[in-house]
Amino acid sequence: MNALNFYSSNYHNQLVCRRKTCTIRRGDKSEKYREGDIVWVTVGKRFAQRKKIFTAVIDRVLVKQVSQLTKEDLQGENPDITNIDDLIIFLKSIYEKTFTPTDLVTLVYFSEIIE
């Protein structure tokens, strides 16, 4: 079983409340994440203990430039983000790296599996 892990504590409440339905990952990760894959959605720092929030299915995987992201993409990543400029600032705080509108990102849409 693979994990879709979120390092930042910013995501914990959004995941617990099921407000987060998409993750935006830096670069082309289309080989790593595939539609139909079952994953554990987890929160925790790299090389440390992680907490499983729920099991999910990957619904859709898209590779786009940051400038091509839609309102749906932004809302899925973080319901409080309403424009690309705010997203770039947010992603910079998560990745601790600079983002530009021409950078490639992978969008991974996921849905909870009720067990």
N, C-alpha and C. Protein backbone atom coordinates (compact mmCIF):
# COMPACT_ATOMS: atom_id res chain seq x y z
N MET A 1 0.85 -1.18 0.00
CA MET A 1 0.00 0.00 0.00
C MET A 1 0.89 1.24 0.00
N ASN A 2 0.61 2.19 -0.85
CA ASN A 2 1.34 3.45 -0.91
C ASN A 2 0.68 4.48 0.00
N ALA A 3 1.44 5.50 0.33
CA ALA A 3 0.91 6.59 1.16
C ALA A 3 0.97 7.89 0.38
N LEU A 4 -0.02 8.70 0.58
CA LEU A 4 -0.03 10.08 0.11
C LEU A 4 0.16 10.90 1.38
N ASN A 5 1.43 11.25 1.65
CA ASN A 5 1.76 11.87 2.93
C ASN A 5 1.83 13.38 2.82
N PHE A 6 1.40 14.03 3.87
CA PHE A 6 1.43 15.49 3.98
C PHE A 6 2.32 15.85 5.15
N TYR A 7 3.44 16.54 4.86
CA TYR A 7 4.43 16.89 5.88
C TYR A 7 3.96 18.04 6.76
N SER A 8 3.29 18.97 6.17
CA SER A 8 2.95 20.19 6.88
C SER A 8 1.73 20.00 7.78
N SER A 9 1.82 20.52 8.98
CA SER A 9 0.68 20.46 9.90
C SER A 9 -0.47 21.33 9.41
N ASN A 10 -0.22 22.21 8.43
CA ASN A 10 -1.29 23.02 7.84
C ASN A 10 -2.40 22.16 7.28
N TYR A 11 -2.06 20.96 6.85
CA TYR A 11 -3.02 20.10 6.18
C TYR A 11 -3.86 19.24 7.11
N HIS A 12 -3.41 19.04 8.33
CA HIS A 12 -4.07 18.09 9.22
C HIS A 12 -5.57 18.37 9.37
N ASN A 13 -5.93 19.58 9.74
CA ASN A 13 -7.36 19.89 9.94
C ASN A 13 -8.16 19.77 8.65
N GLN A 14 -7.59 20.20 7.53
CA GLN A 14 -8.30 20.10 6.25
C GLN A 14 -8.55 18.63 5.89
N LEU A 15 -7.60 17.77 6.18
CA LEU A 15 -7.78 16.35 5.88
C LEU A 15 -8.79 15.71 6.82
N VAL A 16 -8.70 16.03 8.09
CA VAL A 16 -9.64 15.47 9.06
C VAL A 16 -11.08 15.89 8.74
N CYS A 17 -11.25 17.14 8.33
CA CYS A 17 -12.58 17.66 7.97
C CYS A 17 -12.99 17.30 6.54
N ARG A 18 -12.10 16.64 5.80
CA ARG A 18 -12.34 16.22 4.41
C ARG A 18 -12.54 17.41 3.47
N ARG A 19 -11.93 18.55 3.80
CA ARG A 19 -12.00 19.74 2.94
C ARG A 19 -10.95 19.70 1.83
N LYS A 20 -9.92 18.89 2.00
CA LYS A 20 -8.84 18.79 1.02
C LYS A 20 -9.10 17.58 0.14
N THR A 21 -9.21 17.80 -1.18
CA THR A 21 -9.53 16.74 -2.12
C THR A 21 -8.46 16.58 -3.19
N CYS A 22 -7.41 17.38 -3.10
CA CYS A 22 -6.37 17.39 -4.12
C CYS A 22 -5.06 17.81 -3.46
N THR A 23 -3.97 17.31 -4.00
CA THR A 23 -2.68 17.80 -3.57
C THR A 23 -1.89 18.24 -4.80
N ILE A 24 -1.14 19.30 -4.65
CA ILE A 24 -0.30 19.80 -5.72
C ILE A 24 1.14 19.49 -5.34
N ARG A 25 1.78 18.65 -6.17
CA ARG A 25 3.15 18.23 -5.92
C ARG A 25 4.08 18.86 -6.96
N ARG A 26 5.24 19.27 -6.53
CA ARG A 26 6.22 19.92 -7.40
C ARG A 26 6.75 18.94 -8.45
N GLY A 27 6.77 19.37 -9.72
CA GLY A 27 7.31 18.55 -10.80
C GLY A 27 6.29 17.56 -11.36
N ASP A 28 6.76 16.75 -12.29
CA ASP A 28 5.92 15.73 -12.93
C ASP A 28 6.02 14.44 -12.13
N LYS A 29 4.97 14.11 -11.40
CA LYS A 29 4.92 12.91 -10.57
C LYS A 29 3.94 11.89 -11.14
N SER A 30 3.63 12.00 -12.44
CA SER A 30 2.62 11.14 -13.04
C SER A 30 3.03 9.66 -13.05
N GLU A 31 4.32 9.37 -12.95
CA GLU A 31 4.76 7.97 -12.85
C GLU A 31 4.59 7.43 -11.44
N LYS A 32 4.60 8.29 -10.46
CA LYS A 32 4.49 7.88 -9.06
C LYS A 32 3.04 7.68 -8.64
N TYR A 33 2.15 8.56 -9.08
CA TYR A 33 0.73 8.51 -8.70
C TYR A 33 -0.10 8.16 -9.92
N ARG A 34 -0.94 7.14 -9.79
CA ARG A 34 -1.75 6.68 -10.92
C ARG A 34 -3.23 6.62 -10.53
N GLU A 35 -4.08 7.00 -11.48
CA GLU A 35 -5.52 6.93 -11.26
C GLU A 35 -5.90 5.50 -10.91
N GLY A 36 -6.77 5.38 -9.90
CA GLY A 36 -7.23 4.07 -9.44
C GLY A 36 -6.41 3.47 -8.32
N ASP A 37 -5.23 4.01 -8.04
CA ASP A 37 -4.42 3.51 -6.93
C ASP A 37 -5.12 3.75 -5.60
N ILE A 38 -4.98 2.80 -4.70
CA ILE A 38 -5.49 2.95 -3.34
C ILE A 38 -4.30 3.38 -2.47
N VAL A 39 -4.51 4.42 -1.67
CA VAL A 39 -3.43 4.97 -0.84
C VAL A 39 -3.93 5.26 0.57
N TRP A 40 -3.01 5.26 1.49
CA TRP A 40 -3.30 5.80 2.81
C TRP A 40 -2.99 7.28 2.77
N VAL A 41 -3.87 8.10 3.26
CA VAL A 41 -3.62 9.53 3.41
C VAL A 41 -3.07 9.72 4.82
N THR A 42 -1.84 10.19 4.90
CA THR A 42 -1.15 10.30 6.19
C THR A 42 -0.59 11.70 6.39
N VAL A 43 -0.31 12.01 7.65
CA VAL A 43 0.30 13.29 8.02
C VAL A 43 1.49 12.99 8.91
N GLY A 44 2.61 13.65 8.62
CA GLY A 44 3.78 13.48 9.46
C GLY A 44 5.05 13.87 8.74
N LYS A 45 6.06 14.15 9.49
CA LYS A 45 7.33 14.57 8.93
C LYS A 45 8.06 13.38 8.32
N ARG A 46 8.91 13.69 7.36
CA ARG A 46 9.72 12.67 6.70
C ARG A 46 10.63 11.99 7.71
N PHE A 47 10.76 10.68 7.63
CA PHE A 47 11.59 9.86 8.50
C PHE A 47 11.13 9.93 9.97
N ALA A 48 9.84 10.20 10.17
CA ALA A 48 9.30 10.26 11.53
C ALA A 48 7.96 9.53 11.55
N GLN A 49 7.40 9.46 12.73
CA GLN A 49 6.10 8.82 12.89
C GLN A 49 5.03 9.59 12.11
N ARG A 50 4.12 8.85 11.48
CA ARG A 50 3.04 9.46 10.70
C ARG A 50 1.71 8.93 11.20
N LYS A 51 0.68 9.72 10.97
CA LYS A 51 -0.66 9.33 11.40
C LYS A 51 -1.54 9.10 10.17
N LYS A 52 -2.16 7.94 10.10
CA LYS A 52 -3.09 7.64 9.00
C LYS A 52 -4.41 8.36 9.29
N ILE A 53 -4.87 9.14 8.31
CA ILE A 53 -6.12 9.87 8.45
C ILE A 53 -7.26 9.05 7.84
N PHE A 54 -7.07 8.56 6.62
CA PHE A 54 -8.06 7.69 5.98
C PHE A 54 -7.43 7.00 4.77
N THR A 55 -8.17 6.06 4.21
CA THR A 55 -7.78 5.38 2.99
C THR A 55 -8.50 6.07 1.84
N ALA A 56 -7.82 6.23 0.71
CA ALA A 56 -8.40 6.95 -0.43
C ALA A 56 -8.07 6.26 -1.74
N VAL A 57 -8.82 6.64 -2.76
CA VAL A 57 -8.53 6.23 -4.12
C VAL A 57 -8.09 7.47 -4.89
N ILE A 58 -7.09 7.32 -5.74
CA ILE A 58 -6.67 8.43 -6.58
C ILE A 58 -7.60 8.48 -7.78
N ASP A 59 -8.32 9.59 -7.89
CA ASP A 59 -9.33 9.76 -8.93
C ASP A 59 -8.75 10.30 -10.23
N ARG A 60 -7.79 11.20 -10.11
CA ARG A 60 -7.29 11.88 -11.31
C ARG A 60 -5.89 12.39 -11.03
N VAL A 61 -5.03 12.30 -12.04
CA VAL A 61 -3.67 12.81 -11.95
C VAL A 61 -3.45 13.69 -13.18
N LEU A 62 -3.11 14.96 -12.95
CA LEU A 62 -2.89 15.92 -14.03
C LEU A 62 -1.55 16.61 -13.84
N VAL A 63 -0.86 16.87 -14.94
CA VAL A 63 0.39 17.64 -14.90
C VAL A 63 0.11 18.94 -15.63
N LYS A 64 0.38 20.07 -14.95
CA LYS A 64 0.11 21.39 -15.52
C LYS A 64 1.20 22.36 -15.09
N GLN A 65 1.26 23.49 -15.79
CA GLN A 65 2.04 24.61 -15.29
C GLN A 65 1.20 25.30 -14.21
N VAL A 66 1.88 25.91 -13.27
CA VAL A 66 1.18 26.61 -12.19
C VAL A 66 0.17 27.61 -12.78
N SER A 67 0.54 28.31 -13.83
CA SER A 67 -0.34 29.32 -14.43
C SER A 67 -1.61 28.73 -15.03
N GLN A 68 -1.65 27.42 -15.28
CA GLN A 68 -2.80 26.77 -15.89
C GLN A 68 -3.78 26.19 -14.87
N LEU A 69 -3.47 26.34 -13.60
CA LEU A 69 -4.35 25.77 -12.58
C LEU A 69 -5.69 26.49 -12.56
N THR A 70 -6.74 25.71 -12.35
CA THR A 70 -8.10 26.25 -12.33
C THR A 70 -8.54 26.55 -10.90
N LYS A 71 -9.68 27.20 -10.79
CA LYS A 71 -10.25 27.46 -9.46
C LYS A 71 -10.53 26.15 -8.73
N GLU A 72 -10.98 25.13 -9.45
CA GLU A 72 -11.22 23.81 -8.85
C GLU A 72 -9.91 23.25 -8.28
N ASP A 73 -8.81 23.39 -9.02
CA ASP A 73 -7.51 22.91 -8.55
C ASP A 73 -7.11 23.63 -7.27
N LEU A 74 -7.26 24.95 -7.27
CA LEU A 74 -6.88 25.74 -6.09
C LEU A 74 -7.72 25.36 -4.88
N GLN A 75 -9.04 25.22 -5.08
CA GLN A 75 -9.95 24.90 -3.98
C GLN A 75 -9.68 23.50 -3.44
N GLY A 76 -9.32 22.55 -4.34
CA GLY A 76 -9.01 21.21 -3.89
C GLY A 76 -7.77 21.14 -3.04
N GLU A 77 -6.79 21.97 -3.39
CA GLU A 77 -5.54 22.03 -2.62
C GLU A 77 -5.76 22.69 -1.27
N ASN A 78 -6.42 23.83 -1.29
CA ASN A 78 -6.64 24.58 -0.05
C ASN A 78 -7.84 25.50 -0.28
N PRO A 79 -8.98 25.23 0.36
CA PRO A 79 -10.19 26.03 0.12
C PRO A 79 -10.03 27.52 0.40
N ASP A 80 -8.98 27.91 1.11
CA ASP A 80 -8.77 29.32 1.43
C ASP A 80 -7.99 30.06 0.34
N ILE A 81 -7.47 29.35 -0.65
CA ILE A 81 -6.69 29.97 -1.72
C ILE A 81 -7.60 30.28 -2.89
N THR A 82 -7.54 31.52 -3.36
CA THR A 82 -8.45 31.93 -4.44
C THR A 82 -7.75 32.37 -5.72
N ASN A 83 -6.41 32.49 -5.69
CA ASN A 83 -5.71 32.91 -6.91
C ASN A 83 -4.29 32.31 -6.95
N ILE A 84 -3.70 32.36 -8.13
CA ILE A 84 -2.39 31.76 -8.37
C ILE A 84 -1.30 32.40 -7.51
N ASP A 85 -1.35 33.72 -7.34
CA ASP A 85 -0.33 34.40 -6.54
C ASP A 85 -0.33 33.88 -5.10
N ASP A 86 -1.53 33.71 -4.53
CA ASP A 86 -1.63 33.18 -3.16
C ASP A 86 -1.13 31.74 -3.11
N LEU A 87 -1.42 30.96 -4.16
CA LEU A 87 -0.95 29.58 -4.21
C LEU A 87 0.57 29.53 -4.24
N ILE A 88 1.19 30.37 -5.05
CA ILE A 88 2.65 30.39 -5.14
C ILE A 88 3.27 30.70 -3.77
N ILE A 89 2.71 31.63 -3.06
CA ILE A 89 3.19 31.96 -1.71
C ILE A 89 3.01 30.77 -0.78
N PHE A 90 1.83 30.13 -0.86
CA PHE A 90 1.53 28.97 -0.02
C PHE A 90 2.49 27.82 -0.31
N LEU A 91 2.68 27.49 -1.59
CA LEU A 91 3.57 26.39 -1.95
C LEU A 91 5.01 26.67 -1.54
N LYS A 92 5.43 27.92 -1.66
CA LYS A 92 6.78 28.29 -1.22
C LYS A 92 6.95 28.02 0.26
N SER A 93 5.90 28.28 1.06
CA SER A 93 5.99 28.04 2.50
C SER A 93 6.03 26.54 2.82
N ILE A 94 5.39 25.73 2.00
CA ILE A 94 5.39 24.27 2.22
C ILE A 94 6.71 23.66 1.77
N TYR A 95 7.14 23.97 0.55
CA TYR A 95 8.32 23.35 -0.04
C TYR A 95 9.63 24.05 0.32
N GLU A 96 9.52 25.28 0.82
CA GLU A 96 10.69 26.10 1.12
C GLU A 96 11.56 26.29 -0.13
N LYS A 97 10.89 26.39 -1.28
CA LYS A 97 11.54 26.64 -2.57
C LYS A 97 10.66 27.61 -3.35
N THR A 98 11.29 28.35 -4.24
CA THR A 98 10.57 29.32 -5.06
C THR A 98 9.76 28.62 -6.14
N PHE A 99 8.56 29.12 -6.39
CA PHE A 99 7.70 28.64 -7.48
C PHE A 99 7.46 29.80 -8.44
N THR A 100 7.34 29.48 -9.73
CA THR A 100 6.99 30.47 -10.74
C THR A 100 5.76 29.97 -11.50
N PRO A 101 5.06 30.86 -12.21
CA PRO A 101 3.89 30.43 -12.98
C PRO A 101 4.20 29.39 -14.06
N THR A 102 5.46 29.28 -14.50
CA THR A 102 5.79 28.31 -15.54
C THR A 102 6.25 26.96 -15.00
N ASP A 103 6.40 26.83 -13.68
CA ASP A 103 6.82 25.56 -13.10
C ASP A 103 5.76 24.49 -13.31
N LEU A 104 6.22 23.26 -13.54
CA LEU A 104 5.30 22.12 -13.65
C LEU A 104 4.96 21.60 -12.27
N VAL A 105 3.69 21.24 -12.11
CA VAL A 105 3.20 20.61 -10.88
C VAL A 105 2.30 19.45 -11.26
N THR A 106 2.16 18.52 -10.35
CA THR A 106 1.25 17.40 -10.54
C THR A 106 0.11 17.55 -9.55
N LEU A 107 -1.10 17.47 -10.07
CA LEU A 107 -2.30 17.50 -9.24
C LEU A 107 -2.78 16.08 -9.04
N VAL A 108 -2.97 15.71 -7.79
CA VAL A 108 -3.46 14.37 -7.47
C VAL A 108 -4.79 14.56 -6.75
N TYR A 109 -5.88 14.24 -7.43
CA TYR A 109 -7.22 14.30 -6.83
C TYR A 109 -7.51 12.95 -6.18
N PHE A 110 -8.07 12.99 -4.97
CA PHE A 110 -8.33 11.75 -4.25
C PHE A 110 -9.67 11.82 -3.52
N SER A 111 -10.24 10.65 -3.26
CA SER A 111 -11.51 10.55 -2.54
C SER A 111 -11.38 9.50 -1.44
N GLU A 112 -11.98 9.77 -0.32
CA GLU A 112 -11.96 8.82 0.79
C GLU A 112 -12.71 7.55 0.43
N ILE A 113 -12.20 6.44 0.91
CA ILE A 113 -12.89 5.16 0.82
C ILE A 113 -13.48 4.88 2.20
N ILE A 114 -14.78 4.75 2.25
CA ILE A 114 -15.45 4.45 3.52
C ILE A 114 -15.37 2.94 3.73
N GLU A 115 -14.79 2.56 4.85
CA GLU A 115 -14.62 1.12 5.13
C GLU A 115 -15.72 0.63 6.04
